[in-house]
Amino acid sequence: MMRLISALSLAACVTGCAGRELRTVRCEWPSEPAGLLDLKNPAQARHLHDDAQAAEVLAVTYADSKQELDRFGQHRQSTEQCEAMLFNAIARVHHVAPEQVRVALRRQNDTPF
């Protein structure tokens, strides 16, 4: 949950006031102690979901900060590439497959946490 709050705060800080230029955000997952997650444990499944959600916000913020991505689907491509990098980093930290990170994000509405 703290990662989600941090990511949303980052997004708010980076976007700033309307009309200002966005600063470039780095597509990097913050340092986190490595640890195997037991996805059958609701609290640990929620942690993975929160990480995935924070990564999604960070990827969009990263693409938003790149002003040259205004045409030909470049924004979406940049978002997807960054998200894949972040999901891979989360997967490495938690010793899960990147697809499990994606599933954790998609299951946000049907998984009771």
PDB file of N, CA and C in Angstrom:
ATOM      1  N   MET A   1       0.826  -1.185   0.000  1.00  0.00           N
ATOM      2  CA  MET A   1       0.000   0.000   0.000  1.00  0.00           C
ATOM      3  C   MET A   1       0.875   1.255   0.000  1.00  0.00           C
ATOM      4  N   MET A   2       1.976   1.171   0.727  1.00  0.00           N
ATOM      5  CA  MET A   2       2.874   2.331   0.782  1.00  0.00           C
ATOM      6  C   MET A   2       3.461   2.630  -0.594  1.00  0.00           C
ATOM      7  N   ARG A   3       3.729   1.573  -1.373  1.00  0.00           N
ATOM      8  CA  ARG A   3       4.268   1.795  -2.720  1.00  0.00           C
ATOM      9  C   ARG A   3       3.252   2.512  -3.601  1.00  0.00           C
ATOM     10  N   LEU A   4       1.992   2.136  -3.471  1.00  0.00           N
ATOM     11  CA  LEU A   4       0.952   2.780  -4.259  1.00  0.00           C
ATOM     12  C   LEU A   4       0.858   4.252  -3.896  1.00  0.00           C
ATOM     13  N   ILE A   5       0.860   4.534  -2.613  1.00  0.00           N
ATOM     14  CA  ILE A   5       0.797   5.926  -2.155  1.00  0.00           C
ATOM     15  C   ILE A   5       2.021   6.691  -2.647  1.00  0.00           C
ATOM     16  N   SER A   6       3.193   6.045  -2.568  1.00  0.00           N
ATOM     17  CA  SER A   6       4.420   6.694  -3.041  1.00  0.00           C
ATOM     18  C   SER A   6       4.356   6.966  -4.535  1.00  0.00           C
ATOM     19  N   ALA A   7       3.876   5.980  -5.294  1.00  0.00           N
ATOM     20  CA  ALA A   7       3.792   6.156  -6.746  1.00  0.00           C
ATOM     21  C   ALA A   7       2.808   7.261  -7.106  1.00  0.00           C
ATOM     22  N   LEU A   8       1.679   7.294  -6.435  1.00  0.00           N
ATOM     23  CA  LEU A   8       0.698   8.343  -6.713  1.00  0.00           C
ATOM     24  C   LEU A   8       1.231   9.711  -6.318  1.00  0.00           C
ATOM     25  N   SER A   9       1.954   9.770  -5.202  1.00  0.00           N
ATOM     26  CA  SER A   9       2.576  11.034  -4.795  1.00  0.00           C
ATOM     27  C   SER A   9       3.608  11.476  -5.819  1.00  0.00           C
ATOM     28  N   LEU A  10       4.388  10.510  -6.312  1.00  0.00           N
ATOM     29  CA  LEU A  10       5.379  10.810  -7.338  1.00  0.00           C
ATOM     30  C   LEU A  10       4.703  11.365  -8.582  1.00  0.00           C
ATOM     31  N   ALA A  11       3.619  10.720  -8.986  1.00  0.00           N
ATOM     32  CA  ALA A  11       2.895  11.176 -10.172  1.00  0.00           C
ATOM     33  C   ALA A  11       2.388  12.597  -9.981  1.00  0.00           C
ATOM     34  N   ALA A  12       1.857  12.895  -8.811  1.00  0.00           N
ATOM     35  CA  ALA A  12       1.341  14.228  -8.533  1.00  0.00           C
ATOM     36  C   ALA A  12       2.465  15.265  -8.539  1.00  0.00           C
ATOM     37  N   CYS A  13       3.603  14.908  -7.953  1.00  0.00           N
ATOM     38  CA  CYS A  13       4.735  15.837  -7.898  1.00  0.00           C
ATOM     39  C   CYS A  13       5.315  16.096  -9.281  1.00  0.00           C
ATOM     40  N   VAL A  14       5.397  15.048 -10.072  1.00  0.00           N
ATOM     41  CA  VAL A  14       6.010  15.179 -11.393  1.00  0.00           C
ATOM     42  C   VAL A  14       5.134  15.992 -12.325  1.00  0.00           C
ATOM     43  N   THR A  15       3.833  15.767 -12.270  1.00  0.00           N
ATOM     44  CA  THR A  15       2.961  16.476 -13.193  1.00  0.00           C
ATOM     45  C   THR A  15       2.833  17.944 -12.831  1.00  0.00           C
ATOM     46  N   GLY A  16       2.870  18.278 -11.548  1.00  0.00           N
ATOM     47  CA  GLY A  16       2.846  19.673 -11.122  1.00  0.00           C
ATOM     48  C   GLY A  16       1.612  20.409 -11.605  1.00  0.00           C
ATOM     49  N   CYS A  17       1.741  21.683 -11.793  1.00  0.00           N
ATOM     50  CA  CYS A  17       0.620  22.507 -12.229  1.00  0.00           C
ATOM     51  C   CYS A  17       0.425  22.374 -13.731  1.00  0.00           C
ATOM     52  N   ALA A  18      -0.793  22.573 -14.167  1.00  0.00           N
ATOM     53  CA  ALA A  18      -1.093  22.517 -15.596  1.00  0.00           C
ATOM     54  C   ALA A  18      -0.274  23.567 -16.323  1.00  0.00           C
ATOM     55  N   GLY A  19       0.225  23.207 -17.478  1.00  0.00           N
ATOM     56  CA  GLY A  19       0.995  24.141 -18.278  1.00  0.00           C
ATOM     57  C   GLY A  19       2.485  24.079 -18.046  1.00  0.00           C
ATOM     58  N   ARG A  20       2.907  23.441 -16.971  1.00  0.00           N
ATOM     59  CA  ARG A  20       4.347  23.301 -16.736  1.00  0.00           C
ATOM     60  C   ARG A  20       4.874  22.119 -17.524  1.00  0.00           C
ATOM     61  N   GLU A  21       6.132  22.190 -17.888  1.00  0.00           N
ATOM     62  CA  GLU A  21       6.761  21.055 -18.551  1.00  0.00           C
ATOM     63  C   GLU A  21       7.000  19.954 -17.531  1.00  0.00           C
ATOM     64  N   LEU A  22       6.817  18.723 -17.974  1.00  0.00           N
ATOM     65  CA  LEU A  22       7.072  17.583 -17.106  1.00  0.00           C
ATOM     66  C   LEU A  22       8.563  17.281 -17.079  1.00  0.00           C
ATOM     67  N   ARG A  23       9.043  16.892 -15.919  1.00  0.00           N
ATOM     68  CA  ARG A  23      10.426  16.442 -15.810  1.00  0.00           C
ATOM     69  C   ARG A  23      10.486  14.966 -16.150  1.00  0.00           C
ATOM     70  N   THR A  24      11.601  14.534 -16.650  1.00  0.00           N
ATOM     71  CA  THR A  24      11.744  13.134 -17.002  1.00  0.00           C
ATOM     72  C   THR A  24      11.823  12.283 -15.741  1.00  0.00           C
ATOM     73  N   VAL A  25      11.022  11.269 -15.705  1.00  0.00           N
ATOM     74  CA  VAL A  25      10.986  10.307 -14.613  1.00  0.00           C
ATOM     75  C   VAL A  25      11.761   9.086 -15.088  1.00  0.00           C
ATOM     76  N   ARG A  26      12.468   8.456 -14.185  1.00  0.00           N
ATOM     77  CA  ARG A  26      13.230   7.259 -14.557  1.00  0.00           C
ATOM     78  C   ARG A  26      12.344   6.026 -14.433  1.00  0.00           C
ATOM     79  N   CYS A  27      12.514   5.124 -15.362  1.00  0.00           N
ATOM     80  CA  CYS A  27      11.771   3.868 -15.348  1.00  0.00           C
ATOM     81  C   CYS A  27      12.582   2.861 -14.538  1.00  0.00           C
ATOM     82  N   GLU A  28      12.526   3.021 -13.225  1.00  0.00           N
ATOM     83  CA  GLU A  28      13.280   2.155 -12.315  1.00  0.00           C
ATOM     84  C   GLU A  28      12.401   1.781 -11.140  1.00  0.00           C
ATOM     85  N   TRP A  29      12.483   0.517 -10.740  1.00  0.00           N
ATOM     86  CA  TRP A  29      11.769   0.070  -9.549  1.00  0.00           C
ATOM     87  C   TRP A  29      12.620   0.405  -8.334  1.00  0.00           C
ATOM     88  N   PRO A  30      12.047   1.026  -7.312  1.00  0.00           N
ATOM     89  CA  PRO A  30      12.834   1.372  -6.127  1.00  0.00           C
ATOM     90  C   PRO A  30      13.371   0.127  -5.422  1.00  0.00           C
ATOM     91  N   SER A  31      14.459   0.301  -4.745  1.00  0.00           N
ATOM     92  CA  SER A  31      15.082  -0.797  -4.015  1.00  0.00           C
ATOM     93  C   SER A  31      14.117  -1.341  -2.968  1.00  0.00           C
ATOM     94  N   GLU A  32      14.088  -2.654  -2.885  1.00  0.00           N
ATOM     95  CA  GLU A  32      13.214  -3.329  -1.931  1.00  0.00           C
ATOM     96  C   GLU A  32      13.899  -4.626  -1.528  1.00  0.00           C
ATOM     97  N   PRO A  33      13.849  -4.999  -0.264  1.00  0.00           N
ATOM     98  CA  PRO A  33      14.477  -6.262   0.142  1.00  0.00           C
ATOM     99  C   PRO A  33      13.834  -7.442  -0.595  1.00  0.00           C
ATOM    100  N   ALA A  34      14.679  -8.317  -1.102  1.00  0.00           N
ATOM    101  CA  ALA A  34      14.181  -9.491  -1.816  1.00  0.00           C
ATOM    102  C   ALA A  34      13.495 -10.433  -0.839  1.00  0.00           C
ATOM    103  N   GLY A  35      12.455 -11.062  -1.304  1.00  0.00           N
ATOM    104  CA  GLY A  35      11.753 -12.026  -0.472  1.00  0.00           C
ATOM    105  C   GLY A  35      10.691 -12.767  -1.250  1.00  0.00           C
ATOM    106  N   LEU A  36      10.660 -14.062  -1.056  1.00  0.00           N
ATOM    107  CA  LEU A  36       9.675 -14.912  -1.712  1.00  0.00           C
ATOM    108  C   LEU A  36       8.287 -14.598  -1.174  1.00  0.00           C
ATOM    109  N   LEU A  37       7.336 -14.402  -2.079  1.00  0.00           N
ATOM    110  CA  LEU A  37       5.957 -14.164  -1.664  1.00  0.00           C
ATOM    111  C   LEU A  37       5.157 -15.457  -1.792  1.00  0.00           C
ATOM    112  N   ASP A  38       4.340 -15.733  -0.795  1.00  0.00           N
ATOM    113  CA  ASP A  38       3.392 -16.841  -0.841  1.00  0.00           C
ATOM    114  C   ASP A  38       2.070 -16.240  -1.298  1.00  0.00           C
ATOM    115  N   LEU A  39       1.741 -16.428  -2.568  1.00  0.00           N
ATOM    116  CA  LEU A  39       0.569 -15.775  -3.136  1.00  0.00           C
ATOM    117  C   LEU A  39      -0.752 -16.375  -2.658  1.00  0.00           C
ATOM    118  N   LYS A  40      -0.678 -17.452  -1.867  1.00  0.00           N
ATOM    119  CA  LYS A  40      -1.886 -17.996  -1.234  1.00  0.00           C
ATOM    120  C   LYS A  40      -2.217 -17.213   0.039  1.00  0.00           C
ATOM    121  N   ASN A  41      -1.245 -16.468   0.530  1.00  0.00           N
ATOM    122  CA  ASN A  41      -1.436 -15.621   1.700  1.00  0.00           C
ATOM    123  C   ASN A  41      -2.037 -14.293   1.214  1.00  0.00           C
ATOM    124  N   PRO A  42      -3.246 -13.954   1.657  1.00  0.00           N
ATOM    125  CA  PRO A  42      -3.908 -12.738   1.159  1.00  0.00           C
ATOM    126  C   PRO A  42      -3.080 -11.461   1.337  1.00  0.00           C
ATOM    127  N   ALA A  43      -2.376 -11.332   2.436  1.00  0.00           N
ATOM    128  CA  ALA A  43      -1.568 -10.123   2.659  1.00  0.00           C
ATOM    129  C   ALA A  43      -0.422 -10.045   1.660  1.00  0.00           C
ATOM    130  N   GLN A  44       0.192 -11.172   1.367  1.00  0.00           N
ATOM    131  CA  GLN A  44       1.305 -11.175   0.420  1.00  0.00           C
ATOM    132  C   GLN A  44       0.813 -11.019  -1.019  1.00  0.00           C
ATOM    133  N   ALA A  45      -0.350 -11.583  -1.318  1.00  0.00           N
ATOM    134  CA  ALA A  45      -0.950 -11.375  -2.642  1.00  0.00           C
ATOM    135  C   ALA A  45      -1.289  -9.902  -2.825  1.00  0.00           C
ATOM    136  N   ARG A  46      -1.766  -9.278  -1.761  1.00  0.00           N
ATOM    137  CA  ARG A  46      -2.089  -7.853  -1.805  1.00  0.00           C
ATOM    138  C   ARG A  46      -0.825  -7.019  -2.029  1.00  0.00           C
ATOM    139  N   HIS A  47       0.264  -7.425  -1.394  1.00  0.00           N
ATOM    140  CA  HIS A  47       1.538  -6.723  -1.583  1.00  0.00           C
ATOM    141  C   HIS A  47       1.939  -6.749  -3.058  1.00  0.00           C
ATOM    142  N   LEU A  48       1.823  -7.929  -3.685  1.00  0.00           N
ATOM    143  CA  LEU A  48       2.173  -8.039  -5.102  1.00  0.00           C
ATOM    144  C   LEU A  48       1.238  -7.177  -5.947  1.00  0.00           C
ATOM    145  N   HIS A  49      -0.030  -7.192  -5.621  1.00  0.00           N
ATOM    146  CA  HIS A  49      -0.995  -6.355  -6.340  1.00  0.00           C
ATOM    147  C   HIS A  49      -0.622  -4.873  -6.210  1.00  0.00           C
ATOM    148  N   ASP A  50      -0.311  -4.445  -4.999  1.00  0.00           N
ATOM    149  CA  ASP A  50       0.044  -3.045  -4.772  1.00  0.00           C
ATOM    150  C   ASP A  50       1.309  -2.660  -5.531  1.00  0.00           C
ATOM    151  N   ASP A  51       2.299  -3.559  -5.531  1.00  0.00           N
ATOM    152  CA  ASP A  51       3.519  -3.297  -6.301  1.00  0.00           C
ATOM    153  C   ASP A  51       3.199  -3.159  -7.787  1.00  0.00           C
ATOM    154  N   ALA A  52       2.381  -4.067  -8.308  1.00  0.00           N
ATOM    155  CA  ALA A  52       2.023  -4.030  -9.734  1.00  0.00           C
ATOM    156  C   ALA A  52       1.270  -2.750 -10.072  1.00  0.00           C
ATOM    157  N   GLN A  53       0.377  -2.350  -9.198  1.00  0.00           N
ATOM    158  CA  GLN A  53      -0.386  -1.123  -9.422  1.00  0.00           C
ATOM    159  C   GLN A  53       0.529   0.104  -9.393  1.00  0.00           C
ATOM    160  N   ALA A  54       1.465   0.128  -8.461  1.00  0.00           N
ATOM    161  CA  ALA A  54       2.417   1.239  -8.387  1.00  0.00           C
ATOM    162  C   ALA A  54       3.296   1.279  -9.638  1.00  0.00           C
ATOM    163  N   ALA A  55       3.683   0.100 -10.135  1.00  0.00           N
ATOM    164  CA  ALA A  55       4.497   0.030 -11.353  1.00  0.00           C
ATOM    165  C   ALA A  55       3.714   0.566 -12.547  1.00  0.00           C
ATOM    166  N   GLU A  56       2.445   0.249 -12.608  1.00  0.00           N
ATOM    167  CA  GLU A  56       1.603   0.738 -13.701  1.00  0.00           C
ATOM    168  C   GLU A  56       1.546   2.266 -13.683  1.00  0.00           C
ATOM    169  N   VAL A  57       1.353   2.850 -12.511  1.00  0.00           N
ATOM    170  CA  VAL A  57       1.308   4.309 -12.378  1.00  0.00           C
ATOM    171  C   VAL A  57       2.657   4.912 -12.764  1.00  0.00           C
ATOM    172  N   LEU A  58       3.732   4.307 -12.292  1.00  0.00           N
ATOM    173  CA  LEU A  58       5.064   4.812 -12.612  1.00  0.00           C
ATOM    174  C   LEU A  58       5.340   4.740 -14.109  1.00  0.00           C
ATOM    175  N   ALA A  59       4.921   3.665 -14.771  1.00  0.00           N
ATOM    176  CA  ALA A  59       5.144   3.514 -16.215  1.00  0.00           C
ATOM    177  C   ALA A  59       4.405   4.592 -17.003  1.00  0.00           C
ATOM    178  N   VAL A  60       3.181   4.884 -16.616  1.00  0.00           N
ATOM    179  CA  VAL A  60       2.418   5.935 -17.297  1.00  0.00           C
ATOM    180  C   VAL A  60       3.058   7.297 -17.036  1.00  0.00           C
ATOM    181  N   THR A  61       3.454   7.540 -15.808  1.00  0.00           N
ATOM    182  CA  THR A  61       4.114   8.801 -15.466  1.00  0.00           C
ATOM    183  C   THR A  61       5.408   8.956 -16.251  1.00  0.00           C
ATOM    184  N   TYR A  62       6.150   7.867 -16.379  1.00  0.00           N
ATOM    185  CA  TYR A  62       7.390   7.886 -17.158  1.00  0.00           C
ATOM    186  C   TYR A  62       7.093   8.277 -18.606  1.00  0.00           C
ATOM    187  N   ALA A  63       6.114   7.625 -19.224  1.00  0.00           N
ATOM    188  CA  ALA A  63       5.779   7.941 -20.613  1.00  0.00           C
ATOM    189  C   ALA A  63       5.260   9.371 -20.746  1.00  0.00           C
ATOM    190  N   ASP A  64       4.470   9.819 -19.763  1.00  0.00           N
ATOM    191  CA  ASP A  64       3.959  11.192 -19.790  1.00  0.00           C
ATOM    192  C   ASP A  64       5.090  12.214 -19.757  1.00  0.00           C
ATOM    193  N   SER A  65       6.185  11.870 -19.100  1.00  0.00           N
ATOM    194  CA  SER A  65       7.286  12.823 -18.943  1.00  0.00           C
ATOM    195  C   SER A  65       8.133  12.960 -20.205  1.00  0.00           C
ATOM    196  N   LYS A  66       7.951  12.056 -21.141  1.00  0.00           N
ATOM    197  CA  LYS A  66       8.733  12.080 -22.380  1.00  0.00           C
ATOM    198  C   LYS A  66       7.948  12.844 -23.436  1.00  0.00           C
ATOM    199  N   GLN A  67       8.296  14.081 -23.642  1.00  0.00           N
ATOM    200  CA  GLN A  67       7.532  14.966 -24.520  1.00  0.00           C
ATOM    201  C   GLN A  67       7.583  14.555 -25.987  1.00  0.00           C
ATOM    202  N   GLU A  68       8.584  13.824 -26.393  1.00  0.00           N
ATOM    203  CA  GLU A  68       8.687  13.450 -27.801  1.00  0.00           C
ATOM    204  C   GLU A  68       7.767  12.285 -28.171  1.00  0.00           C
ATOM    205  N   LEU A  69       6.988  11.783 -27.226  1.00  0.00           N
ATOM    206  CA  LEU A  69       6.135  10.624 -27.478  1.00  0.00           C
ATOM    207  C   LEU A  69       4.699  11.023 -27.784  1.00  0.00           C
ATOM    208  N   ASP A  70       4.525  12.010 -28.633  1.00  0.00           N
ATOM    209  CA  ASP A  70       3.189  12.526 -28.886  1.00  0.00           C
ATOM    210  C   ASP A  70       2.495  11.885 -30.086  1.00  0.00           C
ATOM    211  N   ARG A  71       3.181  11.030 -30.840  1.00  0.00           N
ATOM    212  CA  ARG A  71       2.541  10.531 -32.049  1.00  0.00           C
ATOM    213  C   ARG A  71       2.874   9.069 -32.313  1.00  0.00           C
ATOM    214  N   PHE A  72       2.086   8.475 -33.177  1.00  0.00           N
ATOM    215  CA  PHE A  72       2.312   7.127 -33.696  1.00  0.00           C
ATOM    216  C   PHE A  72       2.377   6.053 -32.610  1.00  0.00           C
ATOM    217  N   GLY A  73       1.601   6.207 -31.556  1.00  0.00           N
ATOM    218  CA  GLY A  73       1.547   5.186 -30.525  1.00  0.00           C
ATOM    219  C   GLY A  73       2.794   5.095 -29.669  1.00  0.00           C
ATOM    220  N   GLN A  74       3.658   6.087 -29.746  1.00  0.00           N
ATOM    221  CA  GLN A  74       4.912   6.043 -28.987  1.00  0.00           C
ATOM    222  C   GLN A  74       4.664   6.094 -27.485  1.00  0.00           C
ATOM    223  N   HIS A  75       3.651   6.826 -27.067  1.00  0.00           N
ATOM    224  CA  HIS A  75       3.349   6.918 -25.631  1.00  0.00           C
ATOM    225  C   HIS A  75       2.978   5.541 -25.097  1.00  0.00           C
ATOM    226  N   ARG A  76       2.097   4.871 -25.808  1.00  0.00           N
ATOM    227  CA  ARG A  76       1.673   3.535 -25.366  1.00  0.00           C
ATOM    228  C   ARG A  76       2.846   2.559 -25.371  1.00  0.00           C
ATOM    229  N   GLN A  77       3.652   2.619 -26.416  1.00  0.00           N
ATOM    230  CA  GLN A  77       4.812   1.729 -26.504  1.00  0.00           C
ATOM    231  C   GLN A  77       5.785   1.991 -25.357  1.00  0.00           C
ATOM    232  N   SER A  78       6.035   3.252 -25.061  1.00  0.00           N
ATOM    233  CA  SER A  78       6.935   3.599 -23.962  1.00  0.00           C
ATOM    234  C   SER A  78       6.367   3.123 -22.628  1.00  0.00           C
ATOM    235  N   THR A  79       5.061   3.297 -22.438  1.00  0.00           N
ATOM    236  CA  THR A  79       4.404   2.839 -21.205  1.00  0.00           C
ATOM    237  C   THR A  79       4.558   1.331 -21.066  1.00  0.00           C
ATOM    238  N   GLU A  80       4.270   0.598 -22.132  1.00  0.00           N
ATOM    239  CA  GLU A  80       4.329  -0.865 -22.083  1.00  0.00           C
ATOM    240  C   GLU A  80       5.752  -1.374 -21.850  1.00  0.00           C
ATOM    241  N   GLN A  81       6.736  -0.733 -22.482  1.00  0.00           N
ATOM    242  CA  GLN A  81       8.125  -1.145 -22.279  1.00  0.00           C
ATOM    243  C   GLN A  81       8.569  -0.899 -20.844  1.00  0.00           C
ATOM    244  N   CYS A  82       8.231   0.251 -20.315  1.00  0.00           N
ATOM    245  CA  CYS A  82       8.599   0.577 -18.936  1.00  0.00           C
ATOM    246  C   CYS A  82       7.887  -0.366 -17.973  1.00  0.00           C
ATOM    247  N   GLU A  83       6.606  -0.590 -18.197  1.00  0.00           N
ATOM    248  CA  GLU A  83       5.847  -1.485 -17.330  1.00  0.00           C
ATOM    249  C   GLU A  83       6.461  -2.889 -17.332  1.00  0.00           C
ATOM    250  N   ALA A  84       6.861  -3.375 -18.492  1.00  0.00           N
ATOM    251  CA  ALA A  84       7.483  -4.702 -18.573  1.00  0.00           C
ATOM    252  C   ALA A  84       8.781  -4.738 -17.767  1.00  0.00           C
ATOM    253  N   MET A  85       9.575  -3.679 -17.864  1.00  0.00           N
ATOM    254  CA  MET A  85      10.822  -3.615 -17.095  1.00  0.00           C
ATOM    255  C   MET A  85      10.528  -3.623 -15.595  1.00  0.00           C
ATOM    256  N   LEU A  86       9.535  -2.845 -15.185  1.00  0.00           N
ATOM    257  CA  LEU A  86       9.190  -2.773 -13.769  1.00  0.00           C
ATOM    258  C   LEU A  86       8.614  -4.086 -13.263  1.00  0.00           C
ATOM    259  N   PHE A  87       7.757  -4.721 -14.069  1.00  0.00           N
ATOM    260  CA  PHE A  87       7.194  -6.014 -13.671  1.00  0.00           C
ATOM    261  C   PHE A  87       8.296  -7.060 -13.545  1.00  0.00           C
ATOM    262  N   ASN A  88       9.280  -7.024 -14.436  1.00  0.00           N
ATOM    263  CA  ASN A  88      10.415  -7.957 -14.333  1.00  0.00           C
ATOM    264  C   ASN A  88      11.203  -7.716 -13.047  1.00  0.00           C
ATOM    265  N   ALA A  89      11.389  -6.450 -12.697  1.00  0.00           N
ATOM    266  CA  ALA A  89      12.112  -6.126 -11.464  1.00  0.00           C
ATOM    267  C   ALA A  89      11.336  -6.615 -10.241  1.00  0.00           C
ATOM    268  N   ILE A  90      10.033  -6.406 -10.233  1.00  0.00           N
ATOM    269  CA  ILE A  90       9.194  -6.874  -9.122  1.00  0.00           C
ATOM    270  C   ILE A  90       9.259  -8.394  -9.036  1.00  0.00           C
ATOM    271  N   ALA A  91       9.185  -9.052 -10.183  1.00  0.00           N
ATOM    272  CA  ALA A  91       9.242 -10.518 -10.213  1.00  0.00           C
ATOM    273  C   ALA A  91      10.555 -11.024  -9.629  1.00  0.00           C
ATOM    274  N   ARG A  92      11.659 -10.376  -9.979  1.00  0.00           N
ATOM    275  CA  ARG A  92      12.965 -10.786  -9.440  1.00  0.00           C
ATOM    276  C   ARG A  92      13.012 -10.613  -7.925  1.00  0.00           C
ATOM    277  N   VAL A  93      12.524  -9.489  -7.446  1.00  0.00           N
ATOM    278  CA  VAL A  93      12.562  -9.199  -6.014  1.00  0.00           C
ATOM    279  C   VAL A  93      11.752 -10.224  -5.224  1.00  0.00           C
ATOM    280  N   HIS A  94      10.600 -10.613  -5.767  1.00  0.00           N
ATOM    281  CA  HIS A  94       9.686 -11.480  -5.022  1.00  0.00           C
ATOM    282  C   HIS A  94       9.727 -12.940  -5.470  1.00  0.00           C
ATOM    283  N   HIS A  95      10.655 -13.258  -6.355  1.00  0.00           N
ATOM    284  CA  HIS A  95      10.834 -14.645  -6.807  1.00  0.00           C
ATOM    285  C   HIS A  95       9.541 -15.233  -7.373  1.00  0.00           C
ATOM    286  N   VAL A  96       8.899 -14.450  -8.229  1.00  0.00           N
ATOM    287  CA  VAL A  96       7.708 -14.906  -8.937  1.00  0.00           C
ATOM    288  C   VAL A  96       7.937 -14.649 -10.425  1.00  0.00           C
ATOM    289  N   ALA A  97       7.078 -15.209 -11.242  1.00  0.00           N
ATOM    290  CA  ALA A  97       7.168 -14.978 -12.689  1.00  0.00           C
ATOM    291  C   ALA A  97       6.575 -13.604 -13.029  1.00  0.00           C
ATOM    292  N   PRO A  98       7.124 -12.931 -14.057  1.00  0.00           N
ATOM    293  CA  PRO A  98       6.549 -11.646 -14.460  1.00  0.00           C
ATOM    294  C   PRO A  98       5.050 -11.751 -14.768  1.00  0.00           C
ATOM    295  N   GLU A  99       4.620 -12.886 -15.300  1.00  0.00           N
ATOM    296  CA  GLU A  99       3.199 -13.058 -15.591  1.00  0.00           C
ATOM    297  C   GLU A  99       2.357 -13.024 -14.308  1.00  0.00           C
ATOM    298  N   GLN A 100       2.921 -13.493 -13.206  1.00  0.00           N
ATOM    299  CA  GLN A 100       2.190 -13.448 -11.939  1.00  0.00           C
ATOM    300  C   GLN A 100       1.996 -12.002 -11.478  1.00  0.00           C
ATOM    301  N   VAL A 101       2.934 -11.147 -11.807  1.00  0.00           N
ATOM    302  CA  VAL A 101       2.793  -9.728 -11.478  1.00  0.00           C
ATOM    303  C   VAL A 101       1.647  -9.140 -12.305  1.00  0.00           C
ATOM    304  N   ARG A 102       1.606  -9.474 -13.587  1.00  0.00           N
ATOM    305  CA  ARG A 102       0.520  -9.001 -14.453  1.00  0.00           C
ATOM    306  C   ARG A 102      -0.840  -9.506 -13.965  1.00  0.00           C
ATOM    307  N   VAL A 103      -0.886 -10.768 -13.588  1.00  0.00           N
ATOM    308  CA  VAL A 103      -2.141 -11.355 -13.094  1.00  0.00           C
ATOM    309  C   VAL A 103      -2.574 -10.645 -11.818  1.00  0.00           C
ATOM    310  N   ALA A 104      -1.626 -10.340 -10.940  1.00  0.00           N
ATOM    311  CA  ALA A 104      -1.957  -9.643  -9.692  1.00  0.00           C
ATOM    312  C   ALA A 104      -2.600  -8.297  -9.992  1.00  0.00           C
ATOM    313  N   LEU A 105      -2.137  -7.610 -11.015  1.00  0.00           N
ATOM    314  CA  LEU A 105      -2.713  -6.320 -11.390  1.00  0.00           C
ATOM    315  C   LEU A 105      -4.111  -6.507 -11.969  1.00  0.00           C
ATOM    316  N   ARG A 106      -4.276  -7.475 -12.859  1.00  0.00           N
ATOM    317  CA  ARG A 106      -5.573  -7.703 -13.497  1.00  0.00           C
ATOM    318  C   ARG A 106      -6.628  -8.160 -12.507  1.00  0.00           C
ATOM    319  N   ARG A 107      -6.226  -8.822 -11.444  1.00  0.00           N
ATOM    320  CA  ARG A 107      -7.178  -9.384 -10.496  1.00  0.00           C
ATOM    321  C   ARG A 107      -7.620  -8.373  -9.442  1.00  0.00           C
ATOM    322  N   GLN A 108      -7.359  -7.109  -9.660  1.00  0.00           N
ATOM    323  CA  GLN A 108      -7.650  -6.106  -8.644  1.00  0.00           C
ATOM    324  C   GLN A 108      -9.119  -6.034  -8.262  1.00  0.00           C
ATOM    325  N   ASN A 109     -10.023  -6.348  -9.153  1.00  0.00           N
ATOM    326  CA  ASN A 109     -11.436  -6.220  -8.821  1.00  0.00           C
ATOM    327  C   ASN A 109     -12.085  -7.513  -8.342  1.00  0.00           C
ATOM    328  N   ASP A 110     -11.426  -8.661  -8.561  1.00  0.00           N
ATOM    329  CA  ASP A 110     -12.071  -9.912  -8.178  1.00  0.00           C
ATOM    330  C   ASP A 110     -11.340 -10.682  -7.093  1.00  0.00           C
ATOM    331  N   THR A 111     -10.270 -10.109  -6.543  1.00  0.00           N
ATOM    332  CA  THR A 111      -9.539 -10.774  -5.485  1.00  0.00           C
ATOM    333  C   THR A 111      -9.819 -10.077  -4.154  1.00  0.00           C
ATOM    334  N   PRO A 112     -10.379 -10.798  -3.187  1.00  0.00           N
ATOM    335  CA  PRO A 112     -10.613 -10.165  -1.882  1.00  0.00           C
ATOM    336  C   PRO A 112      -9.302 -10.050  -1.113  1.00  0.00           C
ATOM    337  N   PHE A 113      -8.940  -8.828  -0.785  1.00  0.00           N
ATOM    338  CA  PHE A 113      -7.711  -8.603  -0.012  1.00  0.00           C
ATOM    339  C   PHE A 113      -8.083  -8.194   1.375  1.00  0.00           C
TER     340      PHE A 113
END
